[in-house]
Amino acid sequence: MKSKRSEIINAFKAANGKAISGEELGKELGISRTMVCKYIKGLKDDGYEISSAPKKGYVLKSVPKLLYPEEILSGLKTTLFGKNIHYYDEAGSSNDIAKKLAPTAEEGTIVVVEQQTGGRARQGRQWASPKGGIWFSTILKPRIALSAASRLTLTFGLSVAKTMRQYGFDAKIKWPNDVLINGKKVSGILTEVEAEIDTIEFVVIGIGINANMSLKDIPEDLRENSTTLRDECGKSVDRVEFLQKLLFEMEQEYIRFSTRPFSEIMEEIVALSDTIGREVTVNMPNRIVEGTVVGISKTGALLLRKNDGDIEEIIAGRCMYTKK
């Protein structure tokens, strides 16, 4: 059920710049004119520019450039992803919030944070998450074996790359969880799983995208190998529109993941791979392996020709390029 706030915003947008009477708005929503005034004040406090004129009513002049649920839902073309949205102006980590919500949340619920103070990447590394980026997590409840959960990271990496390519970016996938533009990291994915024995209870997919932020907002030691969408195209992107497109791509790929052989998705991932042919070092929990990537298997494992000539199949690990 839509909130009164959402209904008011939708009414403004449907009016397309024309004035709306507060009295008529109240009748349409079944609330008093006093309550309409309170909602209007709340919207103004949140950055909506609304003017008022005697005997004419209210006019929506502009909307804030923030990832408010009402803005994301307006025009969202999904049926599952983003159906429920939890929004935070600032929080430690969208993944941490999503994990707390997950046991009782509906699948497809997302958590959006404008600025993360405790964002992290794989293996506990820090992830800079200032305002201007796109930081969100999605709650999934797939009926798959625990061993197949890592494939979701690649699947949604493909979604991110395909969305960026709609904007003209030559986005590539770095195995297993990064998206690059011109060889520099623009997005990362953190997949966290809650399971008992081999039964998955839920999966949280955290996605971070360097959108309209400045490289100055990224830690100095990471700047050389990072980029932002704004830096790549010379202007800010519409973050709401981008997230709407991304959620649609994610939903389509998740449907394909759930209903079709994973090899179909892998064909596209291989085609967009930035990792195949690279000399790499892969850090795994118990050892480090070096070699040349000769491919990615149909199940998503990295195929590495080691320095001794043997080919090893690596399911998970931190992959670092040894040569640019």
Protein backbone atom coordinates (compact mmCIF):
# COMPACT_ATOMS: atom_id res chain seq x y z
CA MET A 1 0.00 0.00 0.00
CA LYS A 2 1.32 3.42 -0.95
CA SER A 3 1.90 5.97 1.80
CA LYS A 4 0.08 9.32 1.81
CA ARG A 5 3.44 10.96 1.14
CA SER A 6 3.89 8.84 -1.99
CA GLU A 7 0.36 9.59 -3.15
CA ILE A 8 0.95 13.33 -2.76
CA ILE A 9 4.19 13.14 -4.76
CA ASN A 10 2.45 11.12 -7.48
CA ALA A 11 -0.40 13.64 -7.59
CA PHE A 12 2.10 16.47 -8.08
CA LYS A 13 3.83 14.61 -10.89
CA ALA A 14 0.53 13.79 -12.57
CA ALA A 15 -0.36 17.51 -12.45
CA ASN A 16 2.74 18.16 -14.56
CA GLY A 17 3.53 21.59 -13.17
CA LYS A 18 -0.06 22.75 -12.62
CA ALA A 19 -1.37 23.88 -9.25
CA ILE A 20 -3.18 21.42 -7.00
CA SER A 21 -5.69 22.60 -4.44
CA GLY A 22 -4.88 21.52 -0.89
CA GLU A 23 -8.57 20.97 -0.25
CA GLU A 24 -8.98 18.75 -3.32
CA LEU A 25 -5.80 16.86 -2.45
CA GLY A 26 -7.15 16.21 1.04
CA LYS A 27 -10.46 14.88 -0.30
CA GLU A 28 -8.67 12.62 -2.80
CA LEU A 29 -6.43 11.15 -0.08
CA GLY A 30 -9.05 11.07 2.64
CA ILE A 31 -7.15 13.36 5.00
CA SER A 32 -7.72 16.85 6.39
CA ARG A 33 -6.30 19.98 4.82
CA THR A 34 -4.20 20.42 7.97
CA MET A 35 -2.62 17.02 7.34
CA VAL A 36 -1.98 18.00 3.73
CA CYS A 37 -0.08 21.05 4.99
CA LYS A 38 2.01 18.87 7.30
CA TYR A 39 2.92 16.51 4.45
CA ILE A 40 3.81 19.47 2.21
CA LYS A 41 6.07 20.89 4.94
CA GLY A 42 7.75 17.50 5.31
CA LEU A 43 8.39 17.32 1.59
CA LYS A 44 9.88 20.82 1.60
CA ASP A 45 12.13 19.85 4.51
CA ASP A 46 13.34 16.88 2.43
CA GLY A 47 14.31 19.07 -0.51
CA TYR A 48 11.17 19.13 -2.66
CA GLU A 49 10.66 22.64 -4.04
CA ILE A 50 6.95 23.39 -3.69
CA SER A 51 5.41 26.83 -4.14
CA SER A 52 1.95 27.91 -3.03
CA ALA A 53 -0.37 30.63 -4.26
CA PRO A 54 -3.63 31.86 -2.71
CA LYS A 55 -6.77 30.32 -4.27
CA LYS A 56 -4.63 28.24 -6.66
CA GLY A 57 -2.89 25.67 -4.49
CA TYR A 58 0.50 23.99 -4.53
CA VAL A 59 2.90 23.55 -7.44
CA LEU A 60 5.83 21.12 -7.50
CA LYS A 61 8.81 22.98 -8.95
CA SER A 62 11.58 20.40 -8.56
CA VAL A 63 12.49 17.19 -6.77
CA PRO A 64 15.70 16.57 -4.79
CA LYS A 65 18.51 14.60 -6.42
CA LEU A 66 18.33 11.90 -3.77
CA LEU A 67 17.46 8.21 -3.89
CA TYR A 68 14.18 8.57 -2.02
CA PRO A 69 11.93 5.48 -2.27
CA GLU A 70 9.14 7.55 -3.85
CA GLU A 71 11.46 8.66 -6.64
CA ILE A 72 12.80 5.15 -7.28
CA LEU A 73 9.30 3.63 -7.31
CA SER A 74 7.99 6.24 -9.72
CA GLY A 75 8.57 4.56 -13.08
CA LEU A 76 10.28 1.43 -11.71
CA LYS A 77 9.62 -1.45 -14.13
CA THR A 78 10.20 -4.38 -11.80
CA THR A 79 7.77 -6.69 -10.04
CA LEU A 80 10.09 -7.99 -7.32
CA PHE A 81 13.26 -5.93 -6.94
CA GLY A 82 12.61 -2.66 -5.13
CA LYS A 83 9.02 -3.50 -4.24
CA ASN A 84 9.99 -2.61 -0.67
CA ILE A 85 12.66 0.05 -0.11
CA HIS A 86 14.36 1.07 3.13
CA TYR A 87 16.12 4.43 2.82
CA TYR A 88 18.83 5.97 5.02
CA ASP A 89 20.57 9.29 4.58
CA GLU A 90 23.55 7.88 6.49
CA ALA A 91 24.29 4.46 7.96
CA GLY A 92 27.18 2.16 8.69
CA SER A 93 26.54 -0.45 6.00
CA SER A 94 23.54 -1.26 3.81
CA ASN A 95 24.51 -4.96 3.98
CA ASP A 96 24.42 -4.96 7.79
CA ILE A 97 20.95 -3.39 7.78
CA ALA A 98 19.74 -5.82 5.11
CA LYS A 99 21.00 -8.82 7.08
CA LYS A 100 18.98 -7.72 10.11
CA LEU A 101 15.86 -7.25 7.98
CA ALA A 102 16.31 -10.40 5.89
CA PRO A 103 14.73 -13.08 8.15
CA THR A 104 11.31 -11.44 7.91
CA ALA A 105 11.69 -9.30 4.76
CA GLU A 106 10.20 -10.16 1.40
CA GLU A 107 12.58 -11.24 -1.33
CA GLY A 108 13.59 -8.30 -3.49
CA THR A 109 13.58 -5.82 -0.61
CA ILE A 110 16.37 -3.26 -1.00
CA VAL A 111 18.23 -1.00 1.42
CA VAL A 112 19.54 2.29 0.01
CA VAL A 113 22.06 4.47 1.85
CA GLU A 114 23.18 7.89 0.62
CA GLN A 115 26.41 7.72 2.61
CA GLN A 116 27.96 4.71 4.35
CA THR A 117 30.29 5.24 7.28
CA GLY A 118 31.26 1.57 7.51
CA GLY A 119 31.11 0.35 3.91
CA ARG A 120 33.27 -2.66 3.20
CA ALA A 121 34.48 -4.81 0.34
CA ARG A 122 35.34 -8.52 0.30
CA GLN A 123 37.52 -9.95 3.08
CA GLY A 124 36.67 -7.01 5.35
CA ARG A 125 38.46 -4.35 3.33
CA GLN A 126 37.18 -0.78 3.55
CA TRP A 127 34.95 0.61 0.79
CA ALA A 128 34.70 4.41 0.54
CA SER A 129 31.00 5.34 0.30
CA PRO A 130 30.57 9.14 0.24
CA LYS A 131 27.51 11.06 -0.92
CA GLY A 132 27.01 11.01 -4.67
CA GLY A 133 27.55 7.29 -5.13
CA ILE A 134 24.96 4.53 -5.32
CA TRP A 135 25.17 2.22 -2.32
CA PHE A 136 22.46 -0.39 -1.84
CA SER A 137 21.78 -3.99 -0.86
CA THR A 138 19.21 -6.48 -2.11
CA ILE A 139 17.70 -9.34 -0.09
CA LEU A 140 17.32 -12.64 -1.98
CA LYS A 141 15.96 -16.03 -0.94
CA PRO A 142 17.02 -18.35 -3.77
CA ARG A 143 16.42 -22.09 -3.71
CA ILE A 144 19.95 -23.09 -4.60
CA ALA A 145 22.79 -25.05 -3.05
CA LEU A 146 25.20 -23.11 -0.88
CA SER A 147 27.99 -23.94 -3.32
CA ALA A 148 26.15 -22.03 -6.07
CA ALA A 149 25.78 -18.77 -4.12
CA SER A 150 29.01 -17.31 -5.50
CA ARG A 151 27.45 -17.38 -8.98
CA LEU A 152 25.08 -14.63 -7.89
CA THR A 153 28.02 -12.25 -7.56
CA LEU A 154 28.95 -12.80 -11.19
CA THR A 155 25.30 -12.61 -12.27
CA PHE A 156 24.79 -9.18 -10.71
CA GLY A 157 28.19 -8.01 -11.88
CA LEU A 158 26.85 -8.68 -15.36
CA SER A 159 23.74 -6.63 -14.52
CA VAL A 160 25.87 -3.68 -13.42
CA ALA A 161 28.06 -3.86 -16.53
CA LYS A 162 25.06 -4.12 -18.87
CA THR A 163 23.39 -1.12 -17.24
CA MET A 164 26.55 0.97 -17.59
CA ARG A 165 26.88 -0.04 -21.21
CA GLN A 166 23.38 1.38 -21.83
CA TYR A 167 24.94 4.75 -21.01
CA GLY A 168 27.79 4.24 -23.45
CA PHE A 169 30.42 3.13 -20.92
CA ASP A 170 32.73 0.30 -22.02
CA ALA A 171 32.18 -1.58 -18.76
CA LYS A 172 34.00 -4.87 -18.21
CA ILE A 173 33.85 -7.51 -15.47
CA LYS A 174 36.84 -8.30 -13.30
CA TRP A 175 36.44 -11.72 -11.70
CA PRO A 176 34.86 -12.24 -9.27
CA ASN A 177 33.14 -9.07 -8.04
CA ASP A 178 34.32 -5.84 -9.69
CA VAL A 179 33.21 -3.80 -12.69
CA LEU A 180 35.79 -1.69 -14.50
CA ILE A 181 35.73 1.17 -16.99
CA ASN A 182 38.96 1.80 -18.89
CA GLY A 183 40.72 -0.61 -16.57
CA LYS A 184 39.70 1.24 -13.40
CA LYS A 185 37.29 0.08 -10.72
CA VAL A 186 33.90 1.80 -10.75
CA SER A 187 31.79 -0.78 -8.92
CA GLY A 188 32.14 -3.61 -6.43
CA ILE A 189 29.80 -6.34 -5.21
CA LEU A 190 29.72 -7.94 -1.78
CA THR A 191 27.69 -11.14 -1.40
CA GLU A 192 26.91 -12.40 2.09
CA VAL A 193 25.03 -15.63 2.80
CA GLU A 194 23.14 -16.92 5.81
CA ALA A 195 22.78 -20.70 5.72
CA GLU A 196 22.36 -23.79 7.85
CA ILE A 197 24.32 -26.82 6.67
CA ASP A 198 23.65 -26.64 2.91
CA THR A 199 20.34 -24.77 3.03
CA ILE A 200 20.38 -21.06 2.21
CA GLU A 201 18.13 -18.91 4.37
CA PHE A 202 18.91 -15.67 2.56
CA VAL A 203 21.53 -13.91 0.46
CA VAL A 204 22.35 -10.21 0.69
CA ILE A 205 23.89 -8.65 -2.41
CA GLY A 206 25.59 -5.33 -1.69
CA ILE A 207 26.42 -3.16 -4.70
CA GLY A 208 28.50 -0.01 -4.62
CA ILE A 209 28.83 2.28 -7.62
CA ASN A 210 31.08 5.33 -7.88
CA ALA A 211 28.53 7.53 -9.61
CA ASN A 212 28.63 11.31 -9.13
CA MET A 213 31.28 11.52 -6.46
CA SER A 214 34.73 13.03 -6.89
CA LEU A 215 37.89 10.97 -6.94
CA LYS A 216 39.02 13.21 -4.07
CA ASP A 217 36.40 11.41 -1.96
CA ILE A 218 38.17 8.09 -2.52
CA PRO A 219 41.11 7.21 -0.23
CA GLU A 220 44.37 8.36 -1.79
CA ASP A 221 45.85 4.87 -1.96
CA LEU A 222 42.91 3.68 -4.07
CA ARG A 223 42.53 6.61 -6.48
CA GLU A 224 45.00 5.44 -9.11
CA ASN A 225 42.96 2.31 -9.86
CA SER A 226 39.49 3.83 -9.35
CA THR A 227 37.15 5.97 -11.42
CA THR A 228 33.61 7.38 -11.29
CA LEU A 229 30.81 7.56 -13.83
CA ARG A 230 30.95 11.36 -13.67
CA ASP A 231 34.68 11.44 -14.38
CA GLU A 232 34.28 9.05 -17.30
CA CYS A 233 31.51 10.96 -19.08
CA GLY A 234 32.21 14.49 -17.86
CA LYS A 235 28.81 15.03 -16.25
CA SER A 236 26.62 13.69 -13.47
CA VAL A 237 24.29 10.80 -14.17
CA ASP A 238 20.68 10.69 -13.01
CA ARG A 239 21.13 8.33 -10.08
CA VAL A 240 17.43 7.54 -9.72
CA GLU A 241 17.13 6.61 -13.39
CA PHE A 242 20.35 4.59 -13.24
CA LEU A 243 19.19 2.62 -10.20
CA GLN A 244 15.81 1.97 -11.81
CA LYS A 245 17.53 0.57 -14.91
CA LEU A 246 19.91 -1.48 -12.79
CA LEU A 247 17.13 -3.00 -10.68
CA PHE A 248 15.34 -4.00 -13.89
CA GLU A 249 18.50 -5.65 -15.25
CA MET A 250 19.08 -7.41 -11.93
CA GLU A 251 15.55 -8.78 -11.90
CA GLN A 252 15.82 -10.06 -15.47
CA GLU A 253 19.15 -11.77 -14.75
CA TYR A 254 17.83 -13.23 -11.49
CA ILE A 255 14.88 -14.73 -13.35
CA ARG A 256 17.28 -16.19 -15.89
CA PHE A 257 19.53 -17.44 -13.08
CA SER A 258 16.55 -19.19 -11.48
CA THR A 259 15.07 -20.72 -14.63
CA ARG A 260 17.84 -21.30 -17.17
CA PRO A 261 21.23 -23.06 -17.24
CA PHE A 262 23.91 -20.85 -15.66
CA SER A 263 26.06 -21.44 -18.74
CA GLU A 264 23.82 -18.96 -20.62
CA ILE A 265 24.73 -16.18 -18.20
CA MET A 266 28.38 -17.23 -18.25
CA GLU A 267 28.57 -16.76 -22.02
CA GLU A 268 27.82 -13.04 -21.55
CA ILE A 269 30.14 -12.76 -18.56
CA VAL A 270 33.02 -14.26 -20.55
CA ALA A 271 32.29 -11.88 -23.43
CA LEU A 272 32.64 -8.91 -21.08
CA SER A 273 35.52 -10.32 -19.02
CA ASP A 274 38.48 -8.07 -18.33
CA THR A 275 40.29 -10.89 -16.52
CA ILE A 276 40.78 -13.58 -19.18
CA GLY A 277 44.33 -13.45 -20.51
CA ARG A 278 45.66 -11.51 -17.52
CA GLU A 279 48.60 -12.47 -15.34
CA VAL A 280 47.21 -12.53 -11.82
CA THR A 281 47.81 -13.35 -8.18
CA VAL A 282 44.84 -14.94 -6.41
CA ASN A 283 44.69 -14.75 -2.64
CA MET A 284 42.72 -17.60 -1.08
CA PRO A 285 42.13 -18.25 2.63
CA ASN A 286 44.92 -20.82 2.90
CA ARG A 287 47.31 -19.99 0.05
CA ILE A 288 48.32 -17.69 -2.81
CA VAL A 289 48.40 -18.79 -6.44
CA GLU A 290 49.98 -17.04 -9.42
CA GLY A 291 49.50 -17.59 -13.12
CA THR A 292 47.65 -16.59 -16.27
CA VAL A 293 43.85 -16.68 -16.54
CA VAL A 294 42.90 -18.84 -19.50
CA GLY A 295 39.15 -18.74 -19.03
CA ILE A 296 36.14 -18.95 -16.72
CA SER A 297 34.29 -22.23 -16.39
CA LYS A 298 30.58 -22.73 -17.04
CA THR A 299 30.07 -22.71 -13.28
CA GLY A 300 31.89 -19.39 -12.80
CA ALA A 301 35.24 -20.70 -11.54
CA LEU A 302 38.47 -19.02 -12.64
CA LEU A 303 40.66 -21.22 -14.85
CA LEU A 304 44.25 -20.39 -14.01
CA ARG A 305 47.35 -21.75 -15.76
CA LYS A 306 49.89 -21.76 -12.96
CA ASN A 307 53.58 -21.13 -13.40
CA ASP A 308 54.21 -24.90 -13.42
CA GLY A 309 51.87 -25.29 -16.40
CA ASP A 310 49.00 -26.97 -14.55
CA ILE A 311 45.51 -25.48 -14.84
CA GLU A 312 43.67 -24.97 -11.58
CA GLU A 313 39.98 -24.22 -11.14
CA ILE A 314 39.49 -21.52 -8.48
CA ILE A 315 36.00 -21.03 -7.06
CA ALA A 316 36.69 -18.03 -4.84
CA GLY A 317 39.52 -15.67 -3.99
CA ARG A 318 40.83 -12.12 -4.31
CA CYS A 319 42.17 -11.66 -7.83
CA MET A 320 44.87 -9.03 -8.39
CA TYR A 321 46.44 -8.19 -11.72
CA THR A 322 50.24 -8.42 -11.66
CA LYS A 323 50.64 -6.53 -14.94
CA LYS A 324 48.48 -3.76 -16.39
